Amino acid sequence: MLQSLFLYLTYSMKTFVPILQFVLISFLVGYISMLLQREAMIAWYPTLVKSPLTPPGIVFSIVWSVLYLLMGISAGLVWNTHSMYSWMLVLLFIVQLVLNLVWSFCFFYMQSPVLGFAILVVLFMFVVLYAAGCYTQNKWATIINIPYMLWLMFAGYLNLYVVMNN
């Protein structure tokens, strides 16, 4: 009985630790993005003409926190499949995380909504590619990316609105 419990806990830790690591990496990207945005959120972003559908700032913080959590869980689930494709999917995950960070840099730090929109289109394609690839490995890894894809489409609308009205 005790040996079974130990084996179960060992297995659980082996599956939980990668998920936790990917969640922490995702939140690190979010934190760096926040640092890149900080100054522009005070001095530049409020001066832009934004869509009437633009939510209050607190909504962005809450949504991105949930999305980073889901993104990290997804990558951890894929990693835990230990398939010959999991490394390729993790590479796609890392690329989309980098693009996510690059969007913040371009849109806020460089104050370039046009470049930000271009990055956002490429980011969306990589997220779709990642999520589609996950489907054969772990369906939940795909399903929990749906909110991220929907949010990126909404962010694309908001970004494009800024491009067209400023």
C-alpha atoms as a PDB file:
ATOM      1  CA  MET A   1       0.000   0.000   0.000  1.00  0.00           C
ATOM      2  CA  LEU A   2       2.720   2.469   0.986  1.00  0.00           C
ATOM      3  CA  GLN A   3       4.794   1.488  -2.029  1.00  0.00           C
ATOM      4  CA  SER A   4       1.796   2.088  -4.325  1.00  0.00           C
ATOM      5  CA  LEU A   5       1.275   5.519  -2.807  1.00  0.00           C
ATOM      6  CA  PHE A   6       4.958   6.340  -3.291  1.00  0.00           C
ATOM      7  CA  LEU A   7       4.848   5.223  -6.938  1.00  0.00           C
ATOM      8  CA  TYR A   8       1.709   7.290  -7.535  1.00  0.00           C
ATOM      9  CA  LEU A   9       3.268  10.390  -5.949  1.00  0.00           C
ATOM     10  CA  THR A  10       6.481   9.909  -7.925  1.00  0.00           C
ATOM     11  CA  TYR A  11       4.522   9.613 -11.158  1.00  0.00           C
ATOM     12  CA  SER A  12       2.398  12.627 -10.254  1.00  0.00           C
ATOM     13  CA  MET A  13       5.478  14.751  -9.587  1.00  0.00           C
ATOM     14  CA  LYS A  14       7.048  13.674 -12.879  1.00  0.00           C
ATOM     15  CA  THR A  15       3.970  14.928 -14.715  1.00  0.00           C
ATOM     16  CA  PHE A  16       3.326  17.988 -12.552  1.00  0.00           C
ATOM     17  CA  VAL A  17       6.838  19.469 -12.591  1.00  0.00           C
ATOM     18  CA  PRO A  18       7.014  20.011 -16.380  1.00  0.00           C
ATOM     19  CA  ILE A  19       3.591  21.643 -16.320  1.00  0.00           C
ATOM     20  CA  LEU A  20       4.705  23.937 -13.507  1.00  0.00           C
ATOM     21  CA  GLN A  21       7.911  24.798 -15.380  1.00  0.00           C
ATOM     22  CA  PHE A  22       6.029  25.755 -18.545  1.00  0.00           C
ATOM     23  CA  VAL A  23       3.521  27.790 -16.539  1.00  0.00           C
ATOM     24  CA  LEU A  24       6.381  29.677 -14.868  1.00  0.00           C
ATOM     25  CA  ILE A  25       8.067  30.293 -18.236  1.00  0.00           C
ATOM     26  CA  SER A  26       4.787  31.633 -19.621  1.00  0.00           C
ATOM     27  CA  PHE A  27       4.330  33.965 -16.660  1.00  0.00           C
ATOM     28  CA  LEU A  28       7.936  35.128 -17.035  1.00  0.00           C
ATOM     29  CA  VAL A  29       7.151  36.182 -20.609  1.00  0.00           C
ATOM     30  CA  GLY A  30       4.071  37.981 -19.292  1.00  0.00           C
ATOM     31  CA  TYR A  31       6.156  39.764 -16.682  1.00  0.00           C
ATOM     32  CA  ILE A  32       8.748  40.875 -19.236  1.00  0.00           C
ATOM     33  CA  SER A  33       5.915  42.065 -21.494  1.00  0.00           C
ATOM     34  CA  MET A  34       4.511  44.095 -18.621  1.00  0.00           C
ATOM     35  CA  LEU A  35       7.904  45.734 -18.102  1.00  0.00           C
ATOM     36  CA  LEU A  36       8.125  46.588 -21.805  1.00  0.00           C
ATOM     37  CA  GLN A  37       4.636  48.115 -21.730  1.00  0.00           C
ATOM     38  CA  ARG A  38       4.851  50.041 -18.478  1.00  0.00           C
ATOM     39  CA  GLU A  39       6.019  53.429 -19.745  1.00  0.00           C
ATOM     40  CA  ALA A  40       3.901  53.376 -22.910  1.00  0.00           C
ATOM     41  CA  MET A  41       0.796  52.458 -20.908  1.00  0.00           C
ATOM     42  CA  ILE A  42       1.173  55.736 -19.024  1.00  0.00           C
ATOM     43  CA  ALA A  43       2.399  58.177 -21.652  1.00  0.00           C
ATOM     44  CA  TRP A  44       1.479  56.854 -25.117  1.00  0.00           C
ATOM     45  CA  TYR A  45      -1.354  54.310 -25.090  1.00  0.00           C
ATOM     46  CA  PRO A  46      -3.931  56.603 -23.410  1.00  0.00           C
ATOM     47  CA  THR A  47      -3.483  59.131 -26.243  1.00  0.00           C
ATOM     48  CA  LEU A  48      -4.526  56.632 -28.938  1.00  0.00           C
ATOM     49  CA  VAL A  49      -7.966  56.439 -30.483  1.00  0.00           C
ATOM     50  CA  LYS A  50      -9.156  52.985 -29.410  1.00  0.00           C
ATOM     51  CA  SER A  51     -12.121  50.831 -30.317  1.00  0.00           C
ATOM     52  CA  PRO A  52     -15.279  51.286 -28.251  1.00  0.00           C
ATOM     53  CA  LEU A  53     -14.907  47.558 -27.514  1.00  0.00           C
ATOM     54  CA  THR A  54     -11.566  48.095 -25.776  1.00  0.00           C
ATOM     55  CA  PRO A  55     -11.977  46.662 -22.270  1.00  0.00           C
ATOM     56  CA  PRO A  56     -10.649  48.372 -19.138  1.00  0.00           C
ATOM     57  CA  GLY A  57      -7.003  47.726 -18.322  1.00  0.00           C
ATOM     58  CA  ILE A  58      -7.786  45.330 -15.469  1.00  0.00           C
ATOM     59  CA  VAL A  59      -9.498  42.982 -17.949  1.00  0.00           C
ATOM     60  CA  PHE A  60      -6.254  42.642 -19.906  1.00  0.00           C
ATOM     61  CA  SER A  61      -4.365  41.715 -16.723  1.00  0.00           C
ATOM     62  CA  ILE A  62      -6.911  39.082 -15.721  1.00  0.00           C
ATOM     63  CA  VAL A  63      -7.284  37.604 -19.199  1.00  0.00           C
ATOM     64  CA  TRP A  64      -3.542  37.407 -19.829  1.00  0.00           C
ATOM     65  CA  SER A  65      -2.962  35.761 -16.437  1.00  0.00           C
ATOM     66  CA  VAL A  66      -5.497  33.059 -17.282  1.00  0.00           C
ATOM     67  CA  LEU A  67      -4.089  32.664 -20.798  1.00  0.00           C
ATOM     68  CA  TYR A  68      -0.482  32.312 -19.596  1.00  0.00           C
ATOM     69  CA  LEU A  69      -1.644  29.662 -17.129  1.00  0.00           C
ATOM     70  CA  LEU A  70      -3.494  27.742 -19.849  1.00  0.00           C
ATOM     71  CA  MET A  71      -0.581  28.101 -22.284  1.00  0.00           C
ATOM     72  CA  GLY A  72       1.846  26.660 -19.747  1.00  0.00           C
ATOM     73  CA  ILE A  73      -0.468  23.782 -18.877  1.00  0.00           C
ATOM     74  CA  SER A  74      -0.867  23.001 -22.568  1.00  0.00           C
ATOM     75  CA  ALA A  75       2.883  22.873 -23.157  1.00  0.00           C
ATOM     76  CA  GLY A  76       3.368  20.729 -20.064  1.00  0.00           C
ATOM     77  CA  LEU A  77       0.697  18.282 -21.217  1.00  0.00           C
ATOM     78  CA  VAL A  78       2.414  18.012 -24.602  1.00  0.00           C
ATOM     79  CA  TRP A  79       5.810  17.532 -22.990  1.00  0.00           C
ATOM     80  CA  ASN A  80       4.389  14.761 -20.807  1.00  0.00           C
ATOM     81  CA  THR A  81       3.319  12.738 -23.849  1.00  0.00           C
ATOM     82  CA  HIS A  82       7.004  11.931 -24.453  1.00  0.00           C
ATOM     83  CA  SER A  83       6.212  11.353 -28.109  1.00  0.00           C
ATOM     84  CA  MET A  84       8.662  11.859 -30.935  1.00  0.00           C
ATOM     85  CA  TYR A  85       6.670  15.003 -31.856  1.00  0.00           C
ATOM     86  CA  SER A  86       6.552  16.614 -28.437  1.00  0.00           C
ATOM     87  CA  TRP A  87       9.888  18.406 -28.929  1.00  0.00           C
ATOM     88  CA  MET A  88       8.618  19.957 -32.199  1.00  0.00           C
ATOM     89  CA  LEU A  89       5.442  21.127 -30.493  1.00  0.00           C
ATOM     90  CA  VAL A  90       7.421  22.579 -27.605  1.00  0.00           C
ATOM     91  CA  LEU A  91       9.566  24.405 -30.163  1.00  0.00           C
ATOM     92  CA  LEU A  92       6.394  25.856 -31.724  1.00  0.00           C
ATOM     93  CA  PHE A  93       5.248  26.810 -28.225  1.00  0.00           C
ATOM     94  CA  ILE A  94       8.520  28.637 -27.571  1.00  0.00           C
ATOM     95  CA  VAL A  95       8.323  30.425 -30.934  1.00  0.00           C
ATOM     96  CA  GLN A  96       4.800  31.654 -30.188  1.00  0.00           C
ATOM     97  CA  LEU A  97       5.914  32.788 -26.711  1.00  0.00           C
ATOM     98  CA  VAL A  98       8.767  34.756 -28.269  1.00  0.00           C
ATOM     99  CA  LEU A  99       6.370  36.276 -30.804  1.00  0.00           C
ATOM    100  CA  ASN A 100       4.037  37.181 -27.952  1.00  0.00           C
ATOM    101  CA  LEU A 101       6.898  39.073 -26.327  1.00  0.00           C
ATOM    102  CA  VAL A 102       7.939  40.642 -29.640  1.00  0.00           C
ATOM    103  CA  TRP A 103       4.388  41.955 -30.107  1.00  0.00           C
ATOM    104  CA  SER A 104       4.628  43.818 -26.779  1.00  0.00           C
ATOM    105  CA  PHE A 105       8.010  45.195 -27.783  1.00  0.00           C
ATOM    106  CA  CYS A 106       6.788  46.366 -31.200  1.00  0.00           C
ATOM    107  CA  PHE A 107       3.394  47.708 -30.209  1.00  0.00           C
ATOM    108  CA  PHE A 108       4.234  49.340 -26.883  1.00  0.00           C
ATOM    109  CA  TYR A 109       7.977  49.827 -26.594  1.00  0.00           C
ATOM    110  CA  MET A 110       8.528  50.853 -30.237  1.00  0.00           C
ATOM    111  CA  GLN A 111       5.030  52.382 -30.334  1.00  0.00           C
ATOM    112  CA  SER A 112       4.417  50.787 -33.720  1.00  0.00           C
ATOM    113  CA  PRO A 113       0.853  49.456 -34.057  1.00  0.00           C
ATOM    114  CA  VAL A 114       1.503  48.529 -37.708  1.00  0.00           C
ATOM    115  CA  LEU A 115       4.482  46.336 -36.852  1.00  0.00           C
ATOM    116  CA  GLY A 116       2.562  45.026 -33.842  1.00  0.00           C
ATOM    117  CA  PHE A 117      -0.322  43.963 -36.089  1.00  0.00           C
ATOM    118  CA  ALA A 118       2.042  42.176 -38.475  1.00  0.00           C
ATOM    119  CA  ILE A 119       3.616  40.302 -35.554  1.00  0.00           C
ATOM    120  CA  LEU A 120       0.154  39.473 -34.216  1.00  0.00           C
ATOM    121  CA  VAL A 121      -0.848  37.854 -37.515  1.00  0.00           C
ATOM    122  CA  VAL A 122       2.285  35.684 -37.479  1.00  0.00           C
ATOM    123  CA  LEU A 123       1.760  34.904 -33.775  1.00  0.00           C
ATOM    124  CA  PHE A 124      -1.804  33.772 -34.456  1.00  0.00           C
ATOM    125  CA  MET A 125      -0.606  31.442 -37.233  1.00  0.00           C
ATOM    126  CA  PHE A 126       1.951  29.855 -34.914  1.00  0.00           C
ATOM    127  CA  VAL A 127      -0.617  29.391 -32.142  1.00  0.00           C
ATOM    128  CA  VAL A 128      -3.022  27.715 -34.575  1.00  0.00           C
ATOM    129  CA  LEU A 129      -0.204  25.509 -35.870  1.00  0.00           C
ATOM    130  CA  TYR A 130       0.795  24.608 -32.303  1.00  0.00           C
ATOM    131  CA  ALA A 131      -2.790  23.890 -31.212  1.00  0.00           C
ATOM    132  CA  ALA A 132      -3.495  21.789 -34.309  1.00  0.00           C
ATOM    133  CA  GLY A 133      -0.310  19.794 -33.744  1.00  0.00           C
ATOM    134  CA  CYS A 134      -1.238  19.200 -30.124  1.00  0.00           C
ATOM    135  CA  TYR A 135      -4.510  17.558 -31.082  1.00  0.00           C
ATOM    136  CA  THR A 136      -2.937  14.194 -31.913  1.00  0.00           C
ATOM    137  CA  GLN A 137      -0.768  14.272 -28.791  1.00  0.00           C
ATOM    138  CA  ASN A 138      -3.193  15.525 -26.154  1.00  0.00           C
ATOM    139  CA  LYS A 139      -6.644  16.862 -27.038  1.00  0.00           C
ATOM    140  CA  TRP A 140      -6.809  18.942 -23.848  1.00  0.00           C
ATOM    141  CA  ALA A 141      -3.613  20.737 -24.888  1.00  0.00           C
ATOM    142  CA  THR A 142      -5.527  21.885 -27.976  1.00  0.00           C
ATOM    143  CA  ILE A 143      -8.810  22.660 -26.235  1.00  0.00           C
ATOM    144  CA  ILE A 144      -7.246  24.921 -23.617  1.00  0.00           C
ATOM    145  CA  ASN A 145      -5.638  26.968 -26.408  1.00  0.00           C
ATOM    146  CA  ILE A 146      -9.021  27.949 -27.835  1.00  0.00           C
ATOM    147  CA  PRO A 147      -9.427  30.927 -25.443  1.00  0.00           C
ATOM    148  CA  TYR A 148      -5.943  32.102 -26.456  1.00  0.00           C
ATOM    149  CA  MET A 149      -6.804  31.936 -30.150  1.00  0.00           C
ATOM    150  CA  LEU A 150     -10.083  33.774 -29.564  1.00  0.00           C
ATOM    151  CA  TRP A 151      -8.309  36.448 -27.533  1.00  0.00           C
ATOM    152  CA  LEU A 152      -5.673  36.875 -30.230  1.00  0.00           C
ATOM    153  CA  MET A 153      -8.426  37.440 -32.797  1.00  0.00           C
ATOM    154  CA  PHE A 154      -9.961  40.078 -30.520  1.00  0.00           C
ATOM    155  CA  ALA A 155      -6.511  41.609 -29.934  1.00  0.00           C
ATOM    156  CA  GLY A 156      -6.027  41.658 -33.701  1.00  0.00           C
ATOM    157  CA  TYR A 157      -9.250  43.628 -34.069  1.00  0.00           C
ATOM    158  CA  LEU A 158      -8.190  46.073 -31.339  1.00  0.00           C
ATOM    159  CA  ASN A 159      -4.708  46.436 -32.854  1.00  0.00           C
ATOM    160  CA  LEU A 160      -6.070  46.973 -36.353  1.00  0.00           C
ATOM    161  CA  TYR A 161      -8.522  49.584 -35.035  1.00  0.00           C
ATOM    162  CA  VAL A 162      -5.587  51.508 -33.564  1.00  0.00           C
ATOM    163  CA  VAL A 163      -3.697  51.226 -36.872  1.00  0.00           C
ATOM    164  CA  MET A 164      -6.632  52.534 -38.866  1.00  0.00           C
ATOM    165  CA  ASN A 165      -7.615  55.374 -36.513  1.00  0.00           C
ATOM    166  CA  ASN A 166      -4.307  56.881 -35.424  1.00  0.00           C
END
